[in-house]
PDB file of N, CA and C in Angstrom:
ATOM      1  N   UNK A   1       0.840  -1.206   0.000  1.00  0.00           N
ATOM      2  CA  UNK A   1       0.000   0.000   0.000  1.00  0.00           C
ATOM      3  C   UNK A   1       0.875   1.257   0.000  1.00  0.00           C
ATOM      4  N   UNK A   2       1.965   1.220   0.762  1.00  0.00           N
ATOM      5  CA  UNK A   2       2.837   2.397   0.837  1.00  0.00           C
ATOM      6  C   UNK A   2       3.517   2.667  -0.504  1.00  0.00           C
ATOM      7  N   UNK A   3       3.876   1.587  -1.226  1.00  0.00           N
ATOM      8  CA  UNK A   3       4.506   1.746  -2.542  1.00  0.00           C
ATOM      9  C   UNK A   3       3.534   2.439  -3.492  1.00  0.00           C
ATOM     10  N   UNK A   4       2.270   2.008  -3.460  1.00  0.00           N
ATOM     11  CA  UNK A   4       1.239   2.613  -4.319  1.00  0.00           C
ATOM     12  C   UNK A   4       1.090   4.095  -3.982  1.00  0.00           C
ATOM     13  N   UNK A   5       1.082   4.412  -2.692  1.00  0.00           N
ATOM     14  CA  UNK A   5       0.963   5.815  -2.266  1.00  0.00           C
ATOM     15  C   UNK A   5       2.136   6.635  -2.794  1.00  0.00           C
ATOM     16  N   UNK A   6       3.350   6.051  -2.717  1.00  0.00           N
ATOM     17  CA  UNK A   6       4.541   6.753  -3.218  1.00  0.00           C
ATOM     18  C   UNK A   6       4.417   7.023  -4.706  1.00  0.00           C
ATOM     19  N   UNK A   7       3.989   6.003  -5.457  1.00  0.00           N
ATOM     20  CA  UNK A   7       3.828   6.153  -6.910  1.00  0.00           C
ATOM     21  C   UNK A   7       2.808   7.247  -7.208  1.00  0.00           C
ATOM     22  N   UNK A   8       1.694   7.243  -6.474  1.00  0.00           N
ATOM     23  CA  UNK A   8       0.644   8.241  -6.692  1.00  0.00           C
ATOM     24  C   UNK A   8       1.154   9.645  -6.390  1.00  0.00           C
ATOM     25  N   UNK A   9       1.905   9.797  -5.292  1.00  0.00           N
ATOM     26  CA  UNK A   9       2.424  11.120  -4.936  1.00  0.00           C
ATOM     27  C   UNK A   9       3.427  11.595  -5.980  1.00  0.00           C
ATOM     28  N   UNK A  10       4.279  10.676  -6.465  1.00  0.00           N
ATOM     29  CA  UNK A  10       5.261  11.044  -7.495  1.00  0.00           C
ATOM     30  C   UNK A  10       4.534  11.487  -8.762  1.00  0.00           C
ATOM     31  N   UNK A  11       3.520  10.708  -9.158  1.00  0.00           N
ATOM     32  CA  UNK A  11       2.737  11.059 -10.353  1.00  0.00           C
ATOM     33  C   UNK A  11       2.075  12.415 -10.169  1.00  0.00           C
ATOM     34  N   UNK A  12       1.513  12.638  -8.997  1.00  0.00           N
ATOM     35  CA  UNK A  12       0.840  13.904  -8.705  1.00  0.00           C
ATOM     36  C   UNK A  12       1.824  15.066  -8.816  1.00  0.00           C
ATOM     37  N   UNK A  13       3.038  14.869  -8.262  1.00  0.00           N
ATOM     38  CA  UNK A  13       4.061  15.911  -8.306  1.00  0.00           C
ATOM     39  C   UNK A  13       4.468  16.203  -9.747  1.00  0.00           C
ATOM     40  N   UNK A  14       4.624  15.141 -10.556  1.00  0.00           N
ATOM     41  CA  UNK A  14       4.984  15.324 -11.966  1.00  0.00           C
ATOM     42  C   UNK A  14       3.891  16.118 -12.674  1.00  0.00           C
ATOM     43  N   UNK A  15       2.643  15.726 -12.445  1.00  0.00           N
ATOM     44  CA  UNK A  15       1.503  16.418 -13.065  1.00  0.00           C
ATOM     45  C   UNK A  15       1.489  17.882 -12.647  1.00  0.00           C
ATOM     46  N   UNK A  16       1.724  18.146 -11.359  1.00  0.00           N
ATOM     47  CA  UNK A  16       1.736  19.516 -10.857  1.00  0.00           C
ATOM     48  C   UNK A  16       2.844  20.322 -11.529  1.00  0.00           C
ATOM     49  N   UNK A  17       4.064  19.734 -11.621  1.00  0.00           N
ATOM     50  CA  UNK A  17       5.192  20.428 -12.252  1.00  0.00           C
ATOM     51  C   UNK A  17       4.888  20.743 -13.704  1.00  0.00           C
ATOM     52  N   UNK A  18       4.353  19.760 -14.428  1.00  0.00           N
ATOM     53  CA  UNK A  18       4.002  19.960 -15.836  1.00  0.00           C
ATOM     54  C   UNK A  18       2.927  21.039 -15.942  1.00  0.00           C
ATOM     55  N   UNK A  19       1.942  20.979 -15.056  1.00  0.00           N
ATOM     56  CA  UNK A  19       0.867  21.964 -15.060  1.00  0.00           C
ATOM     57  C   UNK A  19       1.396  23.369 -14.842  1.00  0.00           C
ATOM     58  N   UNK A  20       2.335  23.511 -13.896  1.00  0.00           N
ATOM     59  CA  UNK A  20       2.923  24.822 -13.606  1.00  0.00           C
ATOM     60  C   UNK A  20       3.687  25.323 -14.829  1.00  0.00           C
ATOM     61  N   UNK A  21       4.476  24.413 -15.452  1.00  0.00           N
ATOM     62  CA  UNK A  21       5.239  24.798 -16.647  1.00  0.00           C
ATOM     63  C   UNK A  21       4.299  25.263 -17.747  1.00  0.00           C
ATOM     64  N   UNK A  22       3.221  24.495 -17.975  1.00  0.00           N
ATOM     65  CA  UNK A  22       2.269  24.867 -19.022  1.00  0.00           C
ATOM     66  C   UNK A  22       1.591  26.192 -18.686  1.00  0.00           C
ATOM     67  N   UNK A  23       1.306  26.409 -17.403  1.00  0.00           N
ATOM     68  CA  UNK A  23       0.669  27.654 -16.982  1.00  0.00           C
ATOM     69  C   UNK A  23       1.594  28.836 -17.269  1.00  0.00           C
ATOM     70  N   UNK A  24       2.899  28.656 -16.978  1.00  0.00           N
ATOM     71  CA  UNK A  24       3.878  29.723 -17.227  1.00  0.00           C
ATOM     72  C   UNK A  24       3.968  30.004 -18.722  1.00  0.00           C
ATOM     73  N   UNK A  25       4.045  28.924 -19.531  1.00  0.00           N
ATOM     74  CA  UNK A  25       4.121  29.071 -20.989  1.00  0.00           C
ATOM     75  C   UNK A  25       2.875  29.790 -21.503  1.00  0.00           C
ATOM     76  N   UNK A  26       1.712  29.379 -20.986  1.00  0.00           N
ATOM     77  CA  UNK A  26       0.449  29.992 -21.407  1.00  0.00           C
ATOM     78  C   UNK A  26       0.445  31.479 -21.061  1.00  0.00           C
ATOM     79  N   UNK A  27       0.968  31.813 -19.868  1.00  0.00           N
ATOM     80  CA  UNK A  27       1.027  33.208 -19.431  1.00  0.00           C
ATOM     81  C   UNK A  27       1.927  34.021 -20.356  1.00  0.00           C
ATOM     82  N   UNK A  28       3.088  33.420 -20.723  1.00  0.00           N
ATOM     83  CA  UNK A  28       4.027  34.104 -21.620  1.00  0.00           C
ATOM     84  C   UNK A  28       3.356  34.365 -22.963  1.00  0.00           C
ATOM     85  N   UNK A  29       2.682  33.327 -23.501  1.00  0.00           N
ATOM     86  CA  UNK A  29       1.998  33.482 -24.787  1.00  0.00           C
ATOM     87  C   UNK A  29       0.901  34.537 -24.684  1.00  0.00           C
ATOM     88  N   UNK A  30       0.194  34.557 -23.557  1.00  0.00           N
ATOM     89  CA  UNK A  30      -0.869  35.543 -23.357  1.00  0.00           C
ATOM     90  C   UNK A  30      -0.277  36.951 -23.349  1.00  0.00           C
ATOM     91  N   UNK A  31       0.873  37.112 -22.675  1.00  0.00           N
ATOM     92  CA  UNK A  31       1.536  38.418 -22.627  1.00  0.00           C
ATOM     93  C   UNK A  31       1.955  38.863 -24.020  1.00  0.00           C
ATOM     94  N   UNK A  32       2.536  37.922 -24.789  1.00  0.00           N
ATOM     95  CA  UNK A  32       2.962  38.236 -26.156  1.00  0.00           C
ATOM     96  C   UNK A  32       1.748  38.628 -26.991  1.00  0.00           C
ATOM     97  N   UNK A  33       0.673  37.853 -26.869  1.00  0.00           N
ATOM     98  CA  UNK A  33      -0.547  38.119 -27.634  1.00  0.00           C
ATOM     99  C   UNK A  33      -1.099  39.499 -27.286  1.00  0.00           C
ATOM    100  N   UNK A  34      -1.088  39.843 -25.985  1.00  0.00           N
ATOM    101  CA  UNK A  34      -1.582  41.149 -25.548  1.00  0.00           C
ATOM    102  C   UNK A  34      -0.739  42.264 -26.161  1.00  0.00           C
ATOM    103  N   UNK A  35       0.604  42.116 -26.114  1.00  0.00           N
ATOM    104  CA  UNK A  35       1.502  43.130 -26.672  1.00  0.00           C
ATOM    105  C   UNK A  35       1.252  43.293 -28.164  1.00  0.00           C
ATOM    106  N   UNK A  36       1.137  42.153 -28.857  1.00  0.00           N
ATOM    107  CA  UNK A  36       0.916  42.187 -30.307  1.00  0.00           C
ATOM    108  C   UNK A  36      -0.408  42.872 -30.613  1.00  0.00           C
ATOM    109  N   UNK A  37      -1.458  42.501 -29.879  1.00  0.00           N
ATOM    110  CA  UNK A  37      -2.780  43.078 -30.144  1.00  0.00           C
ATOM    111  C   UNK A  37      -2.770  44.583 -29.858  1.00  0.00           C
ATOM    112  N   UNK A  38      -2.086  44.989 -28.799  1.00  0.00           N
ATOM    113  CA  UNK A  38      -1.995  46.419 -28.474  1.00  0.00           C
ATOM    114  C   UNK A  38      -1.282  47.158 -29.602  1.00  0.00           C
ATOM    115  N   UNK A  39      -0.167  46.576 -30.083  1.00  0.00           N
ATOM    116  CA  UNK A  39       0.579  47.182 -31.187  1.00  0.00           C
ATOM    117  C   UNK A  39      -0.291  47.257 -32.438  1.00  0.00           C
ATOM    118  N   UNK A  40      -1.037  46.187 -32.721  1.00  0.00           N
ATOM    119  CA  UNK A  40      -1.929  46.167 -33.888  1.00  0.00           C
ATOM    120  C   UNK A  40      -2.966  47.280 -33.776  1.00  0.00           C
ATOM    121  N   UNK A  41      -3.547  47.425 -32.598  1.00  0.00           N
ATOM    122  CA  UNK A  41      -4.558  48.466 -32.384  1.00  0.00           C
ATOM    123  C   UNK A  41      -3.951  49.846 -32.625  1.00  0.00           C
ATOM    124  N   UNK A  42      -2.736  50.062 -32.109  1.00  0.00           N
ATOM    125  CA  UNK A  42      -2.062  51.357 -32.279  1.00  0.00           C
ATOM    126  C   UNK A  42      -1.816  51.630 -33.763  1.00  0.00           C
ATOM    127  N   UNK A  43      -1.313  50.615 -34.487  1.00  0.00           N
ATOM    128  CA  UNK A  43      -1.028  50.800 -35.919  1.00  0.00           C
ATOM    129  C   UNK A  43      -2.314  51.051 -36.693  1.00  0.00           C
ATOM    130  N   UNK A  44      -3.380  50.335 -36.339  1.00  0.00           N
ATOM    131  CA  UNK A  44      -4.673  50.527 -37.013  1.00  0.00           C
ATOM    132  C   UNK A  44      -5.170  51.955 -36.781  1.00  0.00           C
ATOM    133  N   UNK A  45      -5.067  52.422 -35.527  1.00  0.00           N
ATOM    134  CA  UNK A  45      -5.508  53.787 -35.202  1.00  0.00           C
ATOM    135  C   UNK A  45      -4.674  54.793 -35.995  1.00  0.00           C
ATOM    136  N   UNK A  46      -3.343  54.581 -36.049  1.00  0.00           N
ATOM    137  CA  UNK A  46      -2.454  55.494 -36.774  1.00  0.00           C
ATOM    138  C   UNK A  46      -2.821  55.547 -38.248  1.00  0.00           C
ATOM    139  N   UNK A  47      -3.071  54.367 -38.851  1.00  0.00           N
ATOM    140  CA  UNK A  47      -3.405  54.340 -40.284  1.00  0.00           C
ATOM    141  C   UNK A  47      -4.725  55.059 -40.533  1.00  0.00           C
ATOM    142  N   UNK A  48      -5.687  54.903 -39.637  1.00  0.00           N
ATOM    143  CA  UNK A  48      -6.982  55.570 -39.801  1.00  0.00           C
ATOM    144  C   UNK A  48      -6.832  57.081 -39.633  1.00  0.00           C
ATOM    145  N   UNK A  49      -5.990  57.493 -38.689  1.00  0.00           N
ATOM    146  CA  UNK A  49      -5.770  58.923 -38.451  1.00  0.00           C
ATOM    147  C   UNK A  49      -5.065  59.541 -39.660  1.00  0.00           C
ATOM    148  N   UNK A  50      -4.078  58.828 -40.216  1.00  0.00           N
ATOM    149  CA  UNK A  50      -3.335  59.326 -41.385  1.00  0.00           C
ATOM    150  C   UNK A  50      -4.243  59.474 -42.598  1.00  0.00           C
ATOM    151  N   UNK A  51      -5.199  58.579 -42.768  1.00  0.00           N
ATOM    152  CA  UNK A  51      -6.147  58.675 -43.891  1.00  0.00           C
ATOM    153  C   UNK A  51      -7.108  59.826 -43.621  1.00  0.00           C
TER     154      UNK A  51
END
């Protein structure tokens, strides 16, 4: 029973680590997407103002 518990805890820890990594990656992508969208909005506004 203790071996099974150890395996489960190890699996849980691996899942948690992977989840944290994916969360960080997702956050980075979200930040990049936000920056890009903000830049796009600025360029769109500039082009409309210039016209």
